[in-house]
């Protein structure tokens, strides 16, 4: 079940794929580059949002052989009783060009998770050389229940859950805090770069333009959305679902009065893309899947457009949709989007799990016929001109 694809940027042209059960493979190689299945929490074969969720190569990987993974480990000692698992961000090193050293693991950061779902995980290095770590709100539903304080984790800047973190992995100790992180020297966790997120399922930096960070935030029952992450910004959850008001006590109906500010009076950041979930009449699909702003050369018509997807269209069983969103003519407007025809069809014919980008900024789509990590139906497809 492929959930992440990354290029090491070392001039080899290799592509590395993270598979949910716990392996990283080089496309074309017979043996795994890394196998940590024995360190990943036991997964449910039918459906599970835990596992090996993220892969990122150090910007100087060609020189230092360092790379990082995000995976779901069994609940660590000392974690709150009754919680589900611990999210772990670890550094590994290569032993040969085509093989990592499993014994080189250095744990960078651990975050305890109250429920099994909403784990984010698509770690990435930004243009500033810092490591960005998306985390969901802790799981469950509505951002309430065990492990969710009054008002939810998304709106709580004293927890790392429901946020995107920004850390320096080249500093002393496990990690350092960049001095210009938004909450340094004021209320809030120093690691937090942005907050108010439910489950940022696949985030990515634009390789061009202003190198902005795009995040697809999976909705609850009614609205799926894509957001451009604002440093220090409150992106709304669980006051809003997408750009609509959200009521945790009545989650299947959007209140008319849409909040514009958070609980500390800070402005809420609007989504740039929003569409109705399959949970309401006319809904498009079930889960938004984040992608990339296309900066390749093979398909000029896509250049500068944000390519993303729907995991599974409404009323289907494993039939995703790929979209392309166009920037608005005026700043601050919504991005218009439309489906991209694939091999003569408006749908993909499999669940869409993630996207990837190679060194030339061409895009790849990661799919599976299965809802869960069982079987061998995972595929990596390159997007090419018709």
Protein backbone atom coordinates (compact mmCIF):
# COMPACT_ATOMS: atom_id res chain seq x y z
CA UNK A 1 0.00 0.00 0.00
CA UNK A 2 2.20 2.88 -1.24
CA UNK A 3 1.62 6.13 0.66
CA UNK A 4 4.71 8.24 -0.11
CA UNK A 5 7.17 8.65 -2.97
CA UNK A 6 10.36 10.68 -2.72
CA UNK A 7 13.42 11.53 -4.79
CA UNK A 8 16.74 11.75 -2.92
CA UNK A 9 18.04 14.56 -5.13
CA UNK A 10 21.41 12.84 -5.48
CA UNK A 11 21.56 12.78 -9.27
CA UNK A 12 20.76 9.07 -9.53
CA UNK A 13 17.17 9.53 -10.67
CA UNK A 14 16.05 6.88 -8.17
CA UNK A 15 12.54 6.93 -6.72
CA UNK A 16 11.83 5.61 -3.23
CA UNK A 17 8.38 4.41 -2.17
CA UNK A 18 7.15 4.04 1.42
CA UNK A 19 4.74 1.14 1.90
CA UNK A 20 2.28 1.37 4.80
CA UNK A 21 3.27 -1.92 6.56
CA UNK A 22 6.80 -0.63 7.07
CA UNK A 23 9.14 -0.93 4.08
CA UNK A 24 10.85 1.58 1.80
CA UNK A 25 11.69 0.31 -1.66
CA UNK A 26 13.62 1.70 -4.60
CA UNK A 27 11.60 1.34 -7.78
CA UNK A 28 13.33 -1.33 -9.86
CA UNK A 29 15.22 -2.92 -6.95
CA UNK A 30 14.38 -6.42 -5.72
CA UNK A 31 15.19 -5.96 -2.02
CA UNK A 32 13.80 -3.31 0.36
CA UNK A 33 15.93 -0.23 1.01
CA UNK A 34 14.60 -0.21 4.60
CA UNK A 35 12.42 -2.67 6.49
CA UNK A 36 10.99 -1.59 9.87
CA UNK A 37 7.85 -3.71 9.85
CA UNK A 38 8.92 -5.10 13.23
CA UNK A 39 8.79 -1.55 14.71
CA UNK A 40 5.41 -0.53 13.27
CA UNK A 41 2.28 -1.12 15.34
CA UNK A 42 0.25 -4.16 14.26
CA UNK A 43 -2.04 -2.99 11.44
CA UNK A 44 -5.63 -3.96 10.71
CA UNK A 45 -5.62 -5.60 7.29
CA UNK A 46 -9.02 -4.27 6.18
CA UNK A 47 -8.34 -0.59 6.82
CA UNK A 48 -5.82 1.33 8.90
CA UNK A 49 -4.53 4.90 8.91
CA UNK A 50 -1.43 3.95 10.92
CA UNK A 51 1.82 2.58 9.56
CA UNK A 52 4.86 3.95 7.75
CA UNK A 53 3.38 7.26 6.64
CA UNK A 54 6.19 9.55 5.56
CA UNK A 55 9.65 9.66 3.98
CA UNK A 56 11.99 12.62 3.48
CA UNK A 57 15.61 12.81 2.38
CA UNK A 58 17.96 15.31 3.97
CA UNK A 59 18.72 18.18 1.56
CA UNK A 60 22.38 17.05 1.62
CA UNK A 61 21.59 13.34 1.37
CA UNK A 62 24.16 12.87 -1.40
CA UNK A 63 26.85 13.93 1.11
CA UNK A 64 25.59 12.64 4.46
CA UNK A 65 23.28 9.69 3.63
CA UNK A 66 20.66 10.85 6.16
CA UNK A 67 16.92 10.39 5.68
CA UNK A 68 13.83 10.52 7.88
CA UNK A 69 10.64 8.52 8.27
CA UNK A 70 7.37 8.98 10.15
CA UNK A 71 5.76 5.79 11.42
CA UNK A 72 3.21 4.55 13.95
CA UNK A 73 4.93 2.68 16.77
CA UNK A 74 3.30 0.79 19.66
CA UNK A 75 2.30 3.03 22.53
CA UNK A 76 5.46 3.99 24.39
CA UNK A 77 6.03 3.58 28.12
CA UNK A 78 4.69 6.53 30.07
CA UNK A 79 2.08 7.48 27.47
CA UNK A 80 -1.47 8.20 28.71
CA UNK A 81 -3.24 4.99 29.66
CA UNK A 82 -5.74 3.75 27.10
CA UNK A 83 -4.29 5.70 24.17
CA UNK A 84 -3.70 3.93 20.87
CA UNK A 85 -0.11 4.36 19.65
CA UNK A 86 2.88 6.70 19.40
CA UNK A 87 3.82 8.55 16.23
CA UNK A 88 7.57 8.46 15.75
CA UNK A 89 9.81 10.58 13.54
CA UNK A 90 13.21 8.92 13.17
CA UNK A 91 16.46 9.47 11.32
CA UNK A 92 18.27 6.63 9.53
CA UNK A 93 21.52 6.43 7.58
CA UNK A 94 22.53 4.41 4.55
CA UNK A 95 24.98 1.53 4.84
CA UNK A 96 25.41 1.17 1.05
CA UNK A 97 23.96 3.31 -1.76
CA UNK A 98 21.05 0.89 -2.13
CA UNK A 99 20.50 -0.16 1.48
CA UNK A 100 19.76 1.66 4.72
CA UNK A 101 21.13 0.56 8.07
CA UNK A 102 18.15 -0.44 10.28
CA UNK A 103 20.38 -0.22 13.32
CA UNK A 104 21.15 3.45 12.67
CA UNK A 105 17.75 4.66 13.88
CA UNK A 106 17.84 7.86 15.91
CA UNK A 107 14.45 8.88 17.29
CA UNK A 108 13.89 12.59 16.69
CA UNK A 109 10.40 13.14 18.07
CA UNK A 110 7.54 11.07 19.50
CA UNK A 111 3.90 12.15 19.78
CA UNK A 112 1.33 10.00 21.57
CA UNK A 113 -1.95 9.46 19.73
CA UNK A 114 -5.28 8.86 21.54
CA UNK A 115 -6.94 7.13 18.56
CA UNK A 116 -5.76 5.17 15.52
CA UNK A 117 -6.80 7.63 12.81
CA UNK A 118 -5.89 11.18 11.71
CA UNK A 119 -2.12 10.82 11.76
CA UNK A 120 -0.99 13.08 8.90
CA UNK A 121 2.60 12.01 8.32
CA UNK A 122 3.80 13.43 4.98
CA UNK A 123 7.04 14.88 6.34
CA UNK A 124 9.07 17.10 4.01
CA UNK A 125 12.03 19.42 4.05
CA UNK A 126 11.17 22.98 3.17
CA UNK A 127 13.23 25.36 1.04
CA UNK A 128 14.67 26.67 4.33
CA UNK A 129 16.19 23.28 5.16
CA UNK A 130 13.83 22.67 8.10
CA UNK A 131 11.77 19.50 8.51
CA UNK A 132 7.99 20.01 8.43
CA UNK A 133 5.79 17.44 10.21
CA UNK A 134 1.99 17.36 9.67
CA UNK A 135 -0.01 15.88 12.55
CA UNK A 136 -3.74 15.17 12.70
CA UNK A 137 -6.00 16.09 15.61
CA UNK A 138 -5.54 12.78 17.44
CA UNK A 139 -8.32 10.85 15.72
CA UNK A 140 -11.79 9.73 16.56
CA UNK A 141 -14.38 12.14 15.18
CA UNK A 142 -15.31 15.79 15.68
CA UNK A 143 -12.08 16.44 17.68
CA UNK A 144 -13.80 15.37 20.90
CA UNK A 145 -13.47 12.42 23.30
CA UNK A 146 -10.49 10.70 24.89
CA UNK A 147 -7.32 12.74 24.39
CA UNK A 148 -9.21 15.79 23.09
CA UNK A 149 -9.50 18.79 25.44
CA UNK A 150 -12.55 21.09 25.50
CA UNK A 151 -12.51 22.95 22.20
CA UNK A 152 -10.44 20.25 20.49
CA UNK A 153 -6.77 19.66 19.75
CA UNK A 154 -6.98 21.62 16.51
CA UNK A 155 -7.51 24.85 18.44
CA UNK A 156 -5.11 24.00 21.26
CA UNK A 157 -1.64 25.49 20.75
CA UNK A 158 -0.31 23.73 23.87
CA UNK A 159 -0.43 20.34 22.11
CA UNK A 160 1.38 19.24 18.96
CA UNK A 161 -1.72 17.46 17.62
CA UNK A 162 -3.75 19.18 14.89
CA UNK A 163 -0.69 21.14 13.73
CA UNK A 164 2.19 21.30 11.29
CA UNK A 165 5.52 21.36 13.09
CA UNK A 166 8.78 22.91 11.90
CA UNK A 167 12.06 21.71 13.42
CA UNK A 168 15.79 21.86 12.74
CA UNK A 169 17.29 18.36 12.52
CA UNK A 170 20.83 19.74 12.17
CA UNK A 171 20.93 21.39 15.57
CA UNK A 172 22.19 19.95 18.86
CA UNK A 173 20.12 17.25 20.53
CA UNK A 174 17.34 15.36 18.81
CA UNK A 175 16.16 18.56 17.14
CA UNK A 176 16.37 22.31 17.40
CA UNK A 177 13.71 25.02 17.25
CA UNK A 178 14.11 27.62 14.48
CA UNK A 179 14.24 31.04 16.13
CA UNK A 180 11.60 32.42 13.76
CA UNK A 181 8.99 29.75 14.51
CA UNK A 182 5.69 31.57 15.17
CA UNK A 183 5.28 30.66 18.85
CA UNK A 184 8.84 31.09 20.06
CA UNK A 185 8.79 33.49 23.00
CA UNK A 186 5.01 33.51 23.35
CA UNK A 187 2.16 31.22 24.36
CA UNK A 188 2.10 27.97 22.39
CA UNK A 189 4.45 25.08 21.63
CA UNK A 190 7.67 26.26 20.03
CA UNK A 191 7.55 23.45 17.43
CA UNK A 192 4.23 24.61 15.94
CA UNK A 193 4.38 26.24 12.51
CA UNK A 194 0.60 26.29 11.88
CA UNK A 195 -2.48 24.79 13.54
CA UNK A 196 -6.23 24.23 13.22
CA UNK A 197 -5.96 21.07 11.09
CA UNK A 198 -8.06 17.88 11.24
CA UNK A 199 -6.03 15.39 9.22
CA UNK A 200 -3.59 16.90 6.71
CA UNK A 201 -3.41 13.88 4.42
CA UNK A 202 -0.46 14.69 2.17
CA UNK A 203 1.25 18.06 2.20
CA UNK A 204 3.85 19.37 -0.24
CA UNK A 205 5.88 22.45 -1.04
CA UNK A 206 5.54 24.13 -4.40
CA UNK A 207 8.88 23.65 -6.20
CA UNK A 208 8.40 27.04 -7.89
CA UNK A 209 6.63 30.32 -7.30
CA UNK A 210 6.76 31.31 -3.65
CA UNK A 211 7.49 27.72 -2.51
CA UNK A 212 4.26 27.72 -0.54
CA UNK A 213 3.17 24.71 1.52
CA UNK A 214 -0.09 23.09 0.34
CA UNK A 215 -2.11 20.77 2.58
CA UNK A 216 -5.22 18.71 1.88
CA UNK A 217 -7.27 18.56 5.08
CA UNK A 218 -9.62 15.57 5.23
CA UNK A 219 -13.10 16.62 6.31
CA UNK A 220 -15.59 15.17 8.77
CA UNK A 221 -18.94 14.48 7.10
CA UNK A 222 -19.63 17.40 4.79
CA UNK A 223 -16.63 19.29 3.32
CA UNK A 224 -13.19 18.38 1.93
CA UNK A 225 -10.65 21.17 1.51
CA UNK A 226 -7.15 22.22 0.45
CA UNK A 227 -5.26 24.95 2.27
CA UNK A 228 -2.14 27.00 1.68
CA UNK A 229 -0.41 26.94 5.05
CA UNK A 230 0.21 30.32 6.67
CA UNK A 231 3.00 30.52 9.30
CA UNK A 232 1.38 30.87 12.69
CA UNK A 233 -2.04 30.63 11.06
CA UNK A 234 -5.18 29.10 12.53
CA UNK A 235 -6.65 26.98 9.73
CA UNK A 236 -10.02 26.56 11.35
CA UNK A 237 -10.66 23.04 12.63
CA UNK A 238 -12.84 22.34 14.64
CA UNK A 239 -14.52 25.74 14.43
CA UNK A 240 -14.81 25.21 10.69
CA UNK A 241 -14.88 22.27 8.29
CA UNK A 242 -13.33 23.68 5.15
CA UNK A 243 -14.76 27.20 4.88
CA UNK A 244 -18.05 26.23 6.53
CA UNK A 245 -18.97 26.52 10.19
CA UNK A 246 -18.71 23.30 12.18
CA UNK A 247 -20.68 22.25 15.25
CA UNK A 248 -19.24 19.19 17.06
CA UNK A 249 -22.65 18.58 18.63
CA UNK A 250 -24.42 18.57 15.26
CA UNK A 251 -21.68 17.62 12.76
CA UNK A 252 -23.96 16.69 9.84
CA UNK A 253 -25.29 20.20 9.39
CA UNK A 254 -23.18 23.31 8.74
CA UNK A 255 -24.32 26.26 10.88
CA UNK A 256 -25.15 29.43 8.98
CA UNK A 257 -22.94 31.72 11.08
CA UNK A 258 -19.37 31.08 9.88
CA UNK A 259 -16.71 32.06 12.44
CA UNK A 260 -13.99 34.38 11.18
CA UNK A 261 -11.71 34.32 14.21
CA UNK A 262 -10.34 31.72 16.60
CA UNK A 263 -10.81 31.54 20.33
CA UNK A 264 -7.98 34.00 20.93
CA UNK A 265 -9.31 36.48 18.39
CA UNK A 266 -6.87 35.43 15.65
CA UNK A 267 -8.17 35.37 12.04
CA UNK A 268 -9.01 31.98 10.53
CA UNK A 269 -7.25 31.03 7.30
CA UNK A 270 -9.61 30.23 4.42
CA UNK A 271 -9.24 27.11 2.26
CA UNK A 272 -8.37 27.63 -1.41
CA UNK A 273 -10.34 24.56 -2.60
CA UNK A 274 -13.49 23.09 -1.11
CA UNK A 275 -15.96 20.48 -2.29
CA UNK A 276 -18.88 18.56 -0.76
CA UNK A 277 -18.18 15.23 0.84
CA UNK A 278 -20.15 12.09 -0.07
CA UNK A 279 -21.90 12.54 3.27
CA UNK A 280 -24.22 15.13 1.75
CA UNK A 281 -26.38 15.22 -1.41
CA UNK A 282 -24.31 15.99 -4.48
CA UNK A 283 -21.08 15.09 -2.69
CA UNK A 284 -18.07 14.30 -4.86
CA UNK A 285 -16.16 11.82 -2.74
CA UNK A 286 -14.97 10.66 0.65
CA UNK A 287 -11.44 11.97 1.34
CA UNK A 288 -9.33 14.66 -0.32
CA UNK A 289 -5.77 13.58 -1.21
CA UNK A 290 -3.11 16.26 -1.37
CA UNK A 291 -0.80 16.60 -4.36
CA UNK A 292 1.63 19.07 -5.92
CA UNK A 293 1.76 22.25 -7.93
CA UNK A 294 2.98 20.93 -11.27
CA UNK A 295 6.39 22.33 -12.24
CA UNK A 296 7.43 19.70 -14.78
CA UNK A 297 7.79 20.10 -18.56
CA UNK A 298 5.99 17.04 -19.97
CA UNK A 299 2.48 18.53 -19.71
CA UNK A 300 2.58 22.31 -20.29
CA UNK A 301 -1.17 22.62 -19.79
CA UNK A 302 -0.78 21.64 -16.13
CA UNK A 303 2.08 23.99 -15.33
CA UNK A 304 1.39 26.07 -12.24
CA UNK A 305 -1.80 24.19 -11.41
CA UNK A 306 -2.30 22.24 -8.21
CA UNK A 307 -2.84 18.54 -8.97
CA UNK A 308 -4.68 16.66 -6.22
CA UNK A 309 -7.23 13.87 -5.91
CA UNK A 310 -10.25 12.30 -4.31
CA UNK A 311 -9.61 8.96 -2.60
CA UNK A 312 -12.89 7.38 -3.76
CA UNK A 313 -15.77 9.00 -5.63
CA UNK A 314 -19.21 9.07 -4.06
CA UNK A 315 -21.12 5.81 -4.43
CA UNK A 316 -18.09 3.83 -5.62
CA UNK A 317 -15.84 1.16 -4.17
CA UNK A 318 -12.27 2.06 -5.08
CA UNK A 319 -12.54 4.65 -7.86
CA UNK A 320 -10.59 7.85 -7.23
CA UNK A 321 -10.58 11.09 -9.20
CA UNK A 322 -7.63 13.32 -10.13
CA UNK A 323 -8.21 17.08 -10.19
CA UNK A 324 -6.26 20.13 -11.33
CA UNK A 325 -6.89 23.47 -9.61
CA UNK A 326 -6.11 26.81 -11.25
CA UNK A 327 -4.93 29.84 -9.24
CA UNK A 328 -7.48 32.68 -9.06
CA UNK A 329 -7.10 35.87 -11.04
CA UNK A 330 -7.17 37.95 -7.88
CA UNK A 331 -5.29 37.24 -4.62
CA UNK A 332 -7.28 35.51 -1.90
CA UNK A 333 -9.88 33.92 -4.17
CA UNK A 334 -10.86 30.28 -4.42
CA UNK A 335 -9.01 28.08 -6.91
CA UNK A 336 -11.27 26.64 -9.60
CA UNK A 337 -10.75 22.92 -10.18
CA UNK A 338 -11.87 20.24 -12.60
CA UNK A 339 -11.32 16.52 -13.11
CA UNK A 340 -8.36 15.32 -15.18
CA UNK A 341 -9.15 12.59 -17.68
CA UNK A 342 -6.92 9.54 -17.17
CA UNK A 343 -6.50 6.98 -19.96
CA UNK A 344 -9.85 7.96 -21.46
CA UNK A 345 -11.70 7.84 -18.14
CA UNK A 346 -12.79 10.53 -15.69
CA UNK A 347 -11.91 8.25 -12.77
CA UNK A 348 -8.88 6.16 -11.84
CA UNK A 349 -10.37 2.74 -11.09
CA UNK A 350 -8.48 2.40 -7.78
CA UNK A 351 -8.23 4.19 -4.46
CA UNK A 352 -5.88 7.17 -4.80
CA UNK A 353 -3.53 7.26 -1.80
CA UNK A 354 -0.93 9.92 -2.53
CA UNK A 355 1.18 11.73 -5.12
CA UNK A 356 4.93 11.94 -5.61
CA UNK A 357 7.37 14.17 -7.46
CA UNK A 358 10.70 13.27 -9.09
CA UNK A 359 13.81 15.38 -9.51
CA UNK A 360 12.44 16.87 -12.75
CA UNK A 361 9.15 17.74 -10.98
CA UNK A 362 7.13 15.21 -12.96
CA UNK A 363 4.27 13.74 -10.96
CA UNK A 364 3.33 10.22 -9.88
CA UNK A 365 0.08 8.82 -8.50
CA UNK A 366 0.07 6.09 -5.82
CA UNK A 367 -2.97 3.80 -5.84
CA UNK A 368 -4.35 0.56 -4.44
CA UNK A 369 -7.31 -1.68 -5.16
CA UNK A 370 -7.60 -2.37 -1.45
CA UNK A 371 -8.83 -0.12 1.37
CA UNK A 372 -6.24 -1.59 3.72
CA UNK A 373 -2.63 -2.82 3.81
CA UNK A 374 -3.48 -6.42 2.85
CA UNK A 375 -2.65 -7.77 -0.60
CA UNK A 376 -0.31 -6.57 -3.33
CA UNK A 377 -2.48 -4.26 -5.43
CA UNK A 378 -0.45 -1.09 -4.73
CA UNK A 379 0.75 0.70 -7.85
CA UNK A 380 2.85 3.76 -8.76
CA UNK A 381 1.77 5.52 -11.97
CA UNK A 382 3.55 8.36 -13.75
CA UNK A 383 1.38 11.16 -15.15
CA UNK A 384 2.26 11.55 -18.83
CA UNK A 385 0.64 13.35 -21.79
CA UNK A 386 -2.20 11.57 -23.57
